[in-house]
Amino acid sequence: MASEHRNLTQQLVHELGKDILQGKFSVGNKLPSEAELCLQYDISRTATREAVKMLTAKGLISSRPRQGIKVLDSKHWNLFDVDVLNWILIGKPDLYMLRHFLQLRLSIEPEAAYLAAQYASDDDIKAIENALARMKNAEDGYDDTLEADIEFHKSILAASNNPFFIQLKTFIETALKVNLRFTNRFKAITIDEYKAHFDIFDNIAKRKPQEAHDASLETQKITLGLVDDAIAEMDDK
């Protein structure tokens, strides 16, 4: 196992978590026993047992006497766990997973924009403006589109000054990265998309909470609609 600055327990957690999210172990199927994992990865029983406990806490597996270690359905996964989110990116996220992400973004980001229009500091608004400028540069080919888009949405969460929303930044970043996997099936960045993001910023800067909320909501609905259409087309085949 490549270390990547992880200890043996952390590395085993990473390897098994990645394998589960990549579908190497199907839901309901058994993983190797702790004894078998010790031999397979050449680590101690103590380190293996701790890794199993960590994966259990993340909701990926269950481990019971005489039942072995089983992979759990995704509804049990701790999808706000940073490791789980990273394994989703490494694994095989599909359009259904993307729709789940977008459905939650629909309930988070418009409210964050509403709060940002109320509570953002001058520095917060400047951070959103800088991210928007990066998006404009990306549209013209002078910056990274994904990084600029992520910075924009994360800066709005930060500007909400709500600690719960702020802690969702990793979730939003992962959702946007998953979205990138499928973007080329829908449309590239357009002037209209930039304008939609500008409208969100402009209403936040002008301290118009409801208008900021509505602008963000409209953007989220359009993206979700594209995914819904793609799933419907896929299901019809």
Protein backbone atom coordinates (compact mmCIF):
# COMPACT_ATOMS: atom_id res chain seq x y z
CA MET A 1 0.00 0.00 0.00
CA ALA A 2 1.33 3.44 -0.94
CA SER A 3 1.56 5.49 2.21
CA GLU A 4 0.67 9.05 1.03
CA HIS A 5 1.62 10.12 4.58
CA ARG A 6 -1.04 7.84 6.10
CA ASN A 7 -0.34 5.34 8.85
CA LEU A 8 -1.14 1.67 8.22
CA THR A 9 -4.66 1.88 9.63
CA GLN A 10 -5.49 4.99 7.60
CA GLN A 11 -4.05 3.43 4.46
CA LEU A 12 -6.15 0.29 4.87
CA VAL A 13 -9.23 2.46 5.43
CA HIS A 14 -8.41 4.33 2.23
CA GLU A 15 -7.81 1.19 0.18
CA LEU A 16 -10.98 -0.56 1.33
CA GLY A 17 -13.10 2.58 1.11
CA LYS A 18 -11.89 3.23 -2.42
CA ASP A 19 -12.56 -0.39 -3.42
CA ILE A 20 -16.10 -0.22 -2.05
CA LEU A 21 -16.90 3.01 -3.89
CA GLN A 22 -15.40 1.58 -7.09
CA GLY A 23 -17.76 -1.38 -6.84
CA LYS A 24 -15.15 -4.05 -6.16
CA PHE A 25 -17.28 -5.16 -3.21
CA SER A 26 -21.02 -5.16 -3.94
CA VAL A 27 -23.66 -4.15 -1.41
CA GLY A 28 -24.48 -7.09 0.85
CA ASN A 29 -21.33 -8.98 -0.10
CA LYS A 30 -18.69 -9.89 2.44
CA LEU A 31 -15.24 -8.39 2.67
CA PRO A 32 -12.32 -10.62 3.67
CA SER A 33 -12.22 -11.38 7.39
CA GLU A 34 -9.95 -9.38 9.69
CA ALA A 35 -7.49 -12.27 9.70
CA GLU A 36 -7.48 -12.37 5.90
CA LEU A 37 -7.04 -8.62 5.68
CA CYS A 38 -4.02 -8.86 8.00
CA LEU A 39 -2.37 -11.32 5.63
CA GLN A 40 -3.44 -9.56 2.44
CA TYR A 41 -2.14 -6.14 3.51
CA ASP A 42 0.64 -7.36 5.81
CA ILE A 43 -0.45 -5.32 8.83
CA SER A 44 -1.23 -6.17 12.44
CA ARG A 45 -4.57 -7.39 13.74
CA THR A 46 -4.82 -4.25 15.89
CA ALA A 47 -4.41 -1.93 12.89
CA THR A 48 -6.88 -4.00 10.88
CA ARG A 49 -9.49 -3.98 13.65
CA GLU A 50 -9.16 -0.20 13.96
CA ALA A 51 -9.61 0.22 10.20
CA VAL A 52 -12.78 -1.88 10.30
CA LYS A 53 -14.10 0.29 13.14
CA MET A 54 -13.39 3.46 11.14
CA LEU A 55 -15.17 2.15 8.03
CA THR A 56 -18.09 1.08 10.21
CA ALA A 57 -18.30 4.60 11.67
CA LYS A 58 -18.40 5.99 8.12
CA GLY A 59 -21.38 3.74 7.41
CA LEU A 60 -19.73 1.75 4.61
CA ILE A 61 -19.69 -1.63 6.34
CA SER A 62 -21.13 -3.60 9.21
CA SER A 63 -19.04 -6.05 11.22
CA ARG A 64 -20.72 -8.58 13.48
CA PRO A 65 -19.61 -11.85 15.09
CA ARG A 66 -20.40 -14.88 12.92
CA GLN A 67 -21.74 -12.61 10.17
CA GLY A 68 -18.46 -11.19 8.96
CA ILE A 69 -17.85 -7.80 7.35
CA LYS A 70 -20.56 -6.74 4.91
CA VAL A 71 -20.84 -3.77 2.58
CA LEU A 72 -23.83 -1.55 3.40
CA ASP A 73 -26.18 0.21 1.02
CA SER A 74 -25.29 3.82 0.18
CA LYS A 75 -28.23 5.09 2.26
CA HIS A 76 -26.16 4.18 5.34
CA TRP A 77 -22.99 5.97 4.18
CA ASN A 78 -21.91 9.16 5.92
CA LEU A 79 -21.98 11.25 2.76
CA PHE A 80 -20.72 14.36 4.56
CA ASP A 81 -17.54 12.57 5.65
CA VAL A 82 -14.55 14.02 3.78
CA ASP A 83 -13.08 10.58 3.07
CA VAL A 84 -16.37 9.25 1.70
CA LEU A 85 -16.75 12.29 -0.53
CA ASN A 86 -13.22 11.78 -1.87
CA TRP A 87 -13.90 8.09 -2.53
CA ILE A 88 -17.02 9.04 -4.47
CA LEU A 89 -14.80 11.08 -6.79
CA ILE A 90 -12.30 8.23 -7.13
CA GLY A 91 -15.12 5.74 -7.64
CA LYS A 92 -17.91 5.65 -10.19
CA PRO A 93 -20.43 8.40 -9.51
CA ASP A 94 -23.36 8.19 -11.93
CA LEU A 95 -26.15 10.51 -12.99
CA TYR A 96 -28.29 9.32 -10.08
CA MET A 97 -25.59 10.28 -7.58
CA LEU A 98 -25.23 13.64 -9.34
CA ARG A 99 -28.99 14.19 -9.04
CA HIS A 100 -28.81 13.45 -5.31
CA PHE A 101 -26.06 16.04 -4.96
CA LEU A 102 -28.01 18.64 -6.93
CA GLN A 103 -31.23 18.03 -5.02
CA LEU A 104 -29.44 18.87 -1.79
CA ARG A 105 -27.66 21.86 -3.32
CA LEU A 106 -31.11 23.12 -4.28
CA SER A 107 -32.04 23.36 -0.62
CA ILE A 108 -28.68 24.70 0.58
CA GLU A 109 -27.28 27.28 -1.80
CA PRO A 110 -30.29 29.57 -2.30
CA GLU A 111 -30.61 29.93 1.48
CA ALA A 112 -26.86 30.55 1.76
CA ALA A 113 -27.20 33.33 -0.83
CA TYR A 114 -30.12 34.78 1.14
CA LEU A 115 -28.05 34.81 4.33
CA ALA A 116 -25.00 36.20 2.53
CA ALA A 117 -27.04 39.18 1.37
CA GLN A 118 -27.90 39.81 5.01
CA TYR A 119 -24.71 39.02 6.86
CA ALA A 120 -21.73 39.11 4.47
CA SER A 121 -18.89 41.42 5.42
CA ASP A 122 -17.19 43.63 2.87
CA ASP A 123 -14.36 41.09 2.70
CA ASP A 124 -16.86 38.29 2.09
CA ILE A 125 -18.42 40.16 -0.81
CA LYS A 126 -14.99 40.91 -2.23
CA ALA A 127 -14.16 37.19 -2.10
CA ILE A 128 -17.32 36.38 -4.10
CA GLU A 129 -16.46 39.13 -6.58
CA ASN A 130 -12.92 37.77 -7.01
CA ALA A 131 -14.30 34.29 -7.69
CA LEU A 132 -16.71 35.75 -10.24
CA ALA A 133 -13.79 37.49 -11.94
CA ARG A 134 -12.02 34.13 -12.11
CA MET A 135 -15.10 32.67 -13.79
CA LYS A 136 -15.00 35.46 -16.36
CA ASN A 137 -11.32 34.74 -16.98
CA ALA A 138 -12.13 31.04 -17.31
CA GLU A 139 -14.83 31.84 -19.86
CA ASP A 140 -12.14 33.65 -21.85
CA GLY A 141 -9.69 30.77 -21.41
CA TYR A 142 -7.42 32.39 -18.82
CA ASP A 143 -8.36 30.42 -15.70
CA ASP A 144 -9.58 27.00 -14.64
CA THR A 145 -13.35 26.76 -15.04
CA LEU A 146 -13.97 24.20 -12.29
CA GLU A 147 -11.72 25.84 -9.71
CA ALA A 148 -13.30 29.24 -10.34
CA ASP A 149 -16.83 27.81 -10.08
CA ILE A 150 -15.98 25.97 -6.85
CA GLU A 151 -14.44 29.12 -5.36
CA PHE A 152 -17.58 31.10 -6.23
CA HIS A 153 -20.00 28.73 -4.54
CA LYS A 154 -17.78 28.12 -1.51
CA SER A 155 -17.32 31.86 -1.02
CA ILE A 156 -21.11 32.29 -0.82
CA LEU A 157 -21.33 29.58 1.84
CA ALA A 158 -18.59 31.39 3.77
CA ALA A 159 -20.39 34.72 3.33
CA SER A 160 -23.53 33.28 4.93
CA ASN A 161 -21.62 33.41 8.22
CA ASN A 162 -23.59 30.32 9.27
CA PRO A 163 -21.13 27.75 10.68
CA PHE A 164 -23.27 24.83 9.52
CA PHE A 165 -23.35 26.06 5.93
CA ILE A 166 -19.65 26.84 6.02
CA GLN A 167 -18.90 23.22 6.96
CA LEU A 168 -20.72 22.08 3.82
CA LYS A 169 -18.00 23.53 1.58
CA THR A 170 -16.37 20.13 1.00
CA PHE A 171 -19.74 18.64 0.06
CA ILE A 172 -20.41 21.43 -2.47
CA GLU A 173 -16.91 21.06 -3.91
CA THR A 174 -17.43 17.34 -4.45
CA ALA A 175 -20.85 17.93 -6.02
CA LEU A 176 -19.31 20.35 -8.51
CA LYS A 177 -16.51 17.92 -9.33
CA VAL A 178 -19.01 15.12 -9.93
CA ASN A 179 -20.96 17.52 -12.13
CA LEU A 180 -17.83 18.03 -14.23
CA ARG A 181 -17.88 14.32 -15.13
CA PHE A 182 -21.10 14.91 -17.04
CA THR A 183 -20.90 18.56 -18.10
CA ASN A 184 -19.80 17.76 -21.63
CA ARG A 185 -23.04 15.85 -22.11
CA PHE A 186 -25.03 19.00 -21.51
CA LYS A 187 -23.37 22.30 -22.35
CA ALA A 188 -20.13 24.19 -21.95
CA ILE A 189 -19.79 27.42 -19.97
CA THR A 190 -21.76 30.15 -21.70
CA ILE A 191 -22.30 33.87 -21.35
CA ASP A 192 -25.73 33.08 -19.89
CA GLU A 193 -24.17 30.91 -17.19
CA TYR A 194 -21.75 33.69 -16.25
CA LYS A 195 -24.66 36.15 -16.18
CA ALA A 196 -26.60 33.85 -13.85
CA HIS A 197 -23.67 33.78 -11.41
CA PHE A 198 -23.27 37.55 -11.74
CA ASP A 199 -26.93 38.02 -10.80
CA ILE A 200 -26.40 36.03 -7.60
CA PHE A 201 -23.36 38.12 -6.69
CA ASP A 202 -25.02 41.41 -7.63
CA ASN A 203 -28.02 40.76 -5.41
CA ILE A 204 -25.80 39.74 -2.50
CA ALA A 205 -23.67 42.87 -2.94
CA LYS A 206 -26.80 45.05 -3.09
CA ARG A 207 -28.13 43.40 0.10
CA LYS A 208 -31.21 41.95 -1.58
CA PRO A 209 -31.75 38.60 0.21
CA GLN A 210 -34.86 37.38 -1.62
CA GLU A 211 -33.50 38.32 -5.03
CA ALA A 212 -30.20 36.56 -4.23
CA HIS A 213 -32.12 33.49 -3.10
CA ASP A 214 -34.26 33.45 -6.25
CA ALA A 215 -31.28 33.91 -8.58
CA SER A 216 -29.44 31.03 -6.94
CA LEU A 217 -32.58 28.87 -6.96
CA GLU A 218 -33.10 29.43 -10.67
CA THR A 219 -29.51 28.42 -11.45
CA GLN A 220 -29.82 25.24 -9.39
CA LYS A 221 -33.16 24.34 -11.00
CA ILE A 222 -31.73 24.66 -14.50
CA THR A 223 -28.81 22.37 -13.69
CA LEU A 224 -31.04 19.83 -11.98
CA GLY A 225 -33.43 19.94 -14.93
CA LEU A 226 -30.62 19.03 -17.31
CA VAL A 227 -29.72 16.03 -15.18
CA ASP A 228 -33.35 14.94 -14.87
CA ASP A 229 -33.70 15.11 -18.67
CA ALA A 230 -30.51 13.08 -19.15
CA ILE A 231 -31.69 10.40 -16.72
CA ALA A 232 -35.11 10.22 -18.40
CA GLU A 233 -33.44 9.83 -21.80
CA MET A 234 -31.12 7.13 -20.42
CA ASP A 235 -34.03 5.26 -18.79
CA ASP A 236 -35.98 5.29 -22.06
CA LYS A 237 -33.21 3.45 -23.91
